Amino acid sequence: MVVGSFKTQATIMDLPGLWPTEITLSNYTQLLSPLYPFLVTGVKNGLIVTLATACVCLPISTLAAYGLSRFRFSGQHSILLGIMGTQIFPGVVLVLSFYIFYGELGWLNTYFGLVLAYTGFTIPFAVWLLKGFFDDLPEELIDAVLIDGGTRLTALRLVALPLIMPGVLATFMFIFLVSWDEFLYSLTLTTTNDMRTMAPAIIMTFYSRYNYRWGPMMAASIVVSIPVLVMFLFLQKYLIKGLTAGAVKG
């Protein structure tokens, strides 16, 4: 992808040879053209949808994971299996139902519709991820807060959350990656270019029935990958720790 972004349209499919015989920056300069406003619009929409999804998903997942970890009640195991069972269904199976449902409610081509869909996809795994961290906390820490007159929510806010902050950061990374890279639902549930996120915006701009503009598409893919790469470089240790500590709990 990196090498292809510096090749011309005429040489990008040349074989053999990976490195370009003629290097050009035109693929990147084209992204700034008024003909392709998708870069600013797509990044803006992607950030709005991604951050809104994280703001909705993280509190819900944290409270659910905390309750499932610290309380014992009838049917708890079934609830956990039901939450994980939602991950069995691939997104392509549900997209038509979402489209019809959103069309009836007038939620097509809205930020709310995308955030709602992404939240539904990310909450189950986020709950399991955070539950693994809550399970690792000694019960005595929570009991100490309760003995001092605090509530369960006080224990969560003052004791549990600071201690599982790596898990929260790992969960945020998971939500960000899923929402930022998602293609199918953003393409289906939005009907205008000014509402689409980056992934479908790139395809709709550089792909047509008779023309594939691989060079600019590669350059645009590089640009939109930068935020994810930067975030991963800073938070990778938390993401790896979170996946290994929480995802395998059962």
Protein backbone atom coordinates (compact mmCIF):
# COMPACT_ATOMS: atom_id res chain seq x y z
CA MET A 1 0.00 0.00 0.00
CA VAL A 2 2.83 2.39 0.88
CA VAL A 3 4.77 1.62 -2.30
CA GLY A 4 1.65 1.77 -4.43
CA SER A 5 0.82 5.24 -3.12
CA PHE A 6 4.02 6.55 -4.76
CA LYS A 7 3.44 4.85 -8.14
CA THR A 8 1.76 6.35 -11.17
CA GLN A 9 -1.49 4.91 -12.49
CA ALA A 10 0.41 3.48 -15.44
CA THR A 11 3.02 1.64 -13.38
CA ILE A 12 1.10 0.57 -10.30
CA MET A 13 0.25 -2.83 -11.81
CA ASP A 14 3.69 -3.44 -13.30
CA LEU A 15 5.24 -6.85 -12.62
CA PRO A 16 7.78 -7.95 -11.62
CA GLY A 17 9.35 -5.48 -9.22
CA LEU A 18 7.94 -4.09 -6.00
CA TRP A 19 9.70 -0.74 -5.97
CA PRO A 20 8.44 1.97 -8.32
CA THR A 21 10.58 2.89 -11.31
CA GLU A 22 8.97 6.33 -11.30
CA ILE A 23 8.10 7.97 -7.97
CA THR A 24 5.30 10.53 -7.82
CA LEU A 25 3.58 12.54 -5.10
CA SER A 26 0.55 13.30 -7.25
CA ASN A 27 -1.52 10.65 -5.47
CA TYR A 28 -1.18 12.61 -2.24
CA THR A 29 -1.65 16.05 -3.77
CA GLN A 30 -4.89 14.85 -5.39
CA LEU A 31 -6.33 14.27 -1.93
CA LEU A 32 -6.26 18.02 -1.34
CA SER A 33 -8.18 18.75 -4.53
CA PRO A 34 -11.64 20.34 -4.19
CA LEU A 35 -12.88 17.44 -6.29
CA TYR A 36 -12.23 15.11 -3.35
CA PRO A 37 -13.69 16.69 -0.22
CA PHE A 38 -14.12 13.24 1.31
CA LEU A 39 -10.86 13.42 3.28
CA VAL A 40 -11.98 16.19 5.64
CA THR A 41 -15.61 15.05 5.67
CA GLY A 42 -14.75 11.39 6.15
CA VAL A 43 -12.30 12.05 8.96
CA LYS A 44 -14.81 14.35 10.68
CA ASN A 45 -17.64 11.82 10.40
CA GLY A 46 -15.37 8.99 11.50
CA LEU A 47 -14.21 10.85 14.60
CA ILE A 48 -17.75 11.91 15.52
CA VAL A 49 -19.15 8.40 15.18
CA THR A 50 -16.15 6.70 16.80
CA LEU A 51 -15.91 8.99 19.83
CA ALA A 52 -19.68 9.02 20.32
CA THR A 53 -19.74 5.22 20.20
CA ALA A 54 -16.97 5.06 22.81
CA CYS A 55 -18.78 7.57 25.05
CA VAL A 56 -21.95 5.46 24.94
CA CYS A 57 -20.37 2.00 25.00
CA LEU A 58 -17.78 2.46 27.76
CA PRO A 59 -20.15 3.49 30.60
CA ILE A 60 -22.70 0.80 29.70
CA SER A 61 -20.05 -1.90 29.37
CA THR A 62 -18.31 -0.86 32.59
CA LEU A 63 -21.48 -0.99 34.66
CA ALA A 64 -22.56 -4.28 33.09
CA ALA A 65 -19.14 -5.88 33.57
CA TYR A 66 -18.93 -4.63 37.17
CA GLY A 67 -22.35 -6.03 38.01
CA LEU A 68 -21.69 -9.39 36.35
CA SER A 69 -18.34 -9.66 38.12
CA ARG A 70 -19.33 -8.62 41.64
CA PHE A 71 -22.91 -9.89 42.03
CA ARG A 72 -24.13 -13.46 42.10
CA PHE A 73 -27.69 -14.09 40.96
CA SER A 74 -29.81 -16.70 39.25
CA GLY A 75 -29.30 -16.89 35.48
CA GLN A 76 -25.98 -15.06 35.55
CA HIS A 77 -24.22 -17.71 33.49
CA SER A 78 -27.00 -17.68 30.91
CA ILE A 79 -26.78 -13.90 30.61
CA LEU A 80 -23.04 -14.11 30.00
CA LEU A 81 -23.51 -16.77 27.34
CA GLY A 82 -26.29 -14.71 25.77
CA ILE A 83 -24.05 -11.64 25.59
CA MET A 84 -21.28 -13.60 23.95
CA GLY A 85 -23.76 -15.41 21.72
CA THR A 86 -24.58 -12.14 19.96
CA GLN A 87 -21.10 -12.30 18.42
CA ILE A 88 -22.08 -15.43 16.49
CA PHE A 89 -24.12 -13.48 13.93
CA PRO A 90 -22.02 -11.85 11.19
CA GLY A 91 -22.84 -8.26 10.41
CA VAL A 92 -23.83 -8.99 6.81
CA VAL A 93 -26.73 -11.15 8.09
CA LEU A 94 -28.25 -8.22 10.00
CA VAL A 95 -27.61 -5.32 7.64
CA LEU A 96 -30.90 -5.66 5.72
CA SER A 97 -32.90 -5.74 8.95
CA PHE A 98 -31.08 -2.63 10.16
CA TYR A 99 -31.79 -0.85 6.90
CA ILE A 100 -35.52 -1.60 6.97
CA PHE A 101 -35.79 -0.80 10.68
CA TYR A 102 -33.92 2.48 10.33
CA GLY A 103 -35.94 3.42 7.28
CA GLU A 104 -39.19 3.04 9.25
CA LEU A 105 -37.86 5.21 12.09
CA GLY A 106 -36.15 7.82 9.93
CA TRP A 107 -32.68 7.03 11.27
CA LEU A 108 -31.00 6.46 7.90
CA ASN A 109 -28.18 8.86 7.06
CA THR A 110 -27.80 10.04 10.68
CA TYR A 111 -25.00 9.95 13.21
CA PHE A 112 -27.43 8.50 15.74
CA GLY A 113 -28.13 5.50 13.54
CA LEU A 114 -24.46 4.66 13.04
CA VAL A 115 -23.61 5.17 16.72
CA LEU A 116 -26.50 2.94 17.76
CA ALA A 117 -25.43 0.17 15.38
CA TYR A 118 -21.75 0.35 16.38
CA THR A 119 -22.64 0.40 20.07
CA GLY A 120 -24.66 -2.77 19.65
CA PHE A 121 -21.71 -4.49 17.98
CA THR A 122 -19.06 -3.41 20.48
CA ILE A 123 -20.84 -3.73 23.83
CA PRO A 124 -20.83 -7.58 24.10
CA PHE A 125 -17.09 -8.00 23.64
CA ALA A 126 -16.38 -4.87 25.71
CA VAL A 127 -18.38 -6.36 28.60
CA TRP A 128 -16.37 -9.58 28.51
CA LEU A 129 -13.11 -7.67 28.21
CA LEU A 130 -13.83 -5.46 31.24
CA LYS A 131 -15.29 -8.32 33.27
CA GLY A 132 -11.95 -10.08 33.09
CA PHE A 133 -10.29 -7.10 34.74
CA PHE A 134 -12.95 -6.77 37.43
CA ASP A 135 -12.60 -10.48 38.20
CA ASP A 136 -8.90 -9.96 38.92
CA LEU A 137 -9.57 -7.32 41.60
CA PRO A 138 -9.42 -8.62 45.18
CA GLU A 139 -12.85 -8.63 46.79
CA GLU A 140 -11.31 -7.15 49.95
CA LEU A 141 -10.76 -3.80 48.20
CA ILE A 142 -14.46 -3.45 47.44
CA ASP A 143 -15.42 -4.67 50.91
CA ALA A 144 -13.19 -2.05 52.51
CA VAL A 145 -15.13 0.72 50.77
CA LEU A 146 -18.46 -0.80 51.82
CA ILE A 147 -17.32 -1.11 55.45
CA ASP A 148 -16.36 2.58 55.44
CA GLY A 149 -19.91 3.45 54.41
CA GLY A 150 -19.42 3.74 50.69
CA THR A 151 -21.72 2.32 48.04
CA ARG A 152 -21.00 -0.09 45.22
CA LEU A 153 -20.82 2.82 42.79
CA THR A 154 -18.40 4.63 45.10
CA ALA A 155 -16.19 1.54 45.15
CA LEU A 156 -16.38 1.39 41.37
CA ARG A 157 -15.47 5.05 40.93
CA LEU A 158 -12.75 5.41 43.58
CA VAL A 159 -11.17 1.96 43.69
CA ALA A 160 -12.05 -0.35 40.81
CA LEU A 161 -11.83 2.02 37.84
CA PRO A 162 -8.38 3.45 38.69
CA LEU A 163 -7.02 -0.07 39.11
CA ILE A 164 -8.45 -1.40 35.83
CA MET A 165 -7.56 1.67 33.76
CA PRO A 166 -5.39 -0.48 31.42
CA GLY A 167 -8.52 -2.51 30.70
CA VAL A 168 -10.54 0.63 30.04
CA LEU A 169 -7.88 1.86 27.61
CA ALA A 170 -7.78 -1.53 25.89
CA THR A 171 -11.56 -1.46 25.57
CA PHE A 172 -11.45 2.06 24.15
CA MET A 173 -8.89 0.90 21.59
CA PHE A 174 -11.13 -1.99 20.59
CA ILE A 175 -14.15 0.31 20.18
CA PHE A 176 -12.10 2.83 18.22
CA LEU A 177 -10.68 0.25 15.82
CA VAL A 178 -14.03 -1.40 15.15
CA SER A 179 -15.86 1.89 14.59
CA TRP A 180 -13.10 3.59 12.59
CA ASP A 181 -12.56 0.68 10.18
CA GLU A 182 -16.20 -0.39 9.76
CA PHE A 183 -17.33 -0.36 6.13
CA LEU A 184 -20.55 -2.30 5.51
CA TYR A 185 -22.92 -0.47 7.84
CA SER A 186 -21.50 2.96 7.11
CA LEU A 187 -22.04 2.34 3.41
CA THR A 188 -25.53 0.89 3.82
CA LEU A 189 -27.02 3.11 6.52
CA THR A 190 -25.81 6.39 4.99
CA THR A 191 -27.10 7.64 1.67
CA THR A 192 -25.05 10.78 1.01
CA ASN A 193 -21.31 11.37 0.78
CA ASP A 194 -21.36 14.09 3.45
CA MET A 195 -22.43 11.51 6.07
CA ARG A 196 -20.15 8.62 5.18
CA THR A 197 -17.10 7.72 7.21
CA MET A 198 -13.67 7.17 5.70
CA ALA A 199 -13.85 3.55 4.56
CA PRO A 200 -16.89 3.87 2.24
CA ALA A 201 -15.90 7.42 1.26
CA ILE A 202 -12.62 6.16 -0.18
CA ILE A 203 -14.32 3.41 -2.18
CA MET A 204 -17.09 5.67 -3.47
CA THR A 205 -14.51 8.25 -4.58
CA PHE A 206 -11.86 6.13 -6.29
CA TYR A 207 -13.79 3.09 -7.45
CA SER A 208 -16.23 2.90 -10.33
CA ARG A 209 -17.50 0.23 -12.66
CA TYR A 210 -14.87 0.87 -15.31
CA ASN A 211 -12.09 2.60 -13.40
CA TYR A 212 -9.97 1.75 -10.36
CA ARG A 213 -7.81 4.65 -9.20
CA TRP A 214 -5.42 2.57 -7.14
CA GLY A 215 -2.78 5.24 -6.55
CA PRO A 216 -4.97 7.86 -4.84
CA MET A 217 -6.84 5.07 -3.05
CA MET A 218 -3.57 3.78 -1.59
CA ALA A 219 -2.54 7.31 -0.58
CA ALA A 220 -5.90 7.94 1.10
CA SER A 221 -5.63 4.62 2.94
CA ILE A 222 -2.21 5.63 4.26
CA VAL A 223 -3.56 8.96 5.51
CA VAL A 224 -6.54 7.48 7.33
CA SER A 225 -4.36 4.77 8.88
CA ILE A 226 -2.15 7.32 10.63
CA PRO A 227 -4.51 8.05 13.58
CA VAL A 228 -4.88 4.34 14.29
CA LEU A 229 -1.13 3.72 14.06
CA VAL A 230 -0.31 6.64 16.36
CA MET A 231 -2.88 5.54 18.93
CA PHE A 232 -1.69 1.95 18.78
CA LEU A 233 1.94 2.97 19.30
CA PHE A 234 1.02 4.78 22.52
CA LEU A 235 -1.51 2.27 23.84
CA GLN A 236 -0.34 -1.07 22.44
CA LYS A 237 0.83 -2.45 25.79
CA TYR A 238 -2.61 -1.77 27.29
CA LEU A 239 -4.37 -3.32 24.31
CA ILE A 240 -2.27 -6.49 24.43
CA LYS A 241 -2.64 -6.76 28.20
CA GLY A 242 -6.36 -6.23 27.95
CA LEU A 243 -6.87 -8.83 25.25
CA THR A 244 -4.86 -11.45 27.10
CA ALA A 245 -6.35 -10.71 30.52
CA GLY A 246 -9.96 -10.21 29.64
CA ALA A 247 -10.90 -11.92 26.41
CA VAL A 248 -10.16 -15.44 27.57
CA LYS A 249 -12.07 -15.26 30.82
CA GLY A 250 -15.12 -17.50 31.01
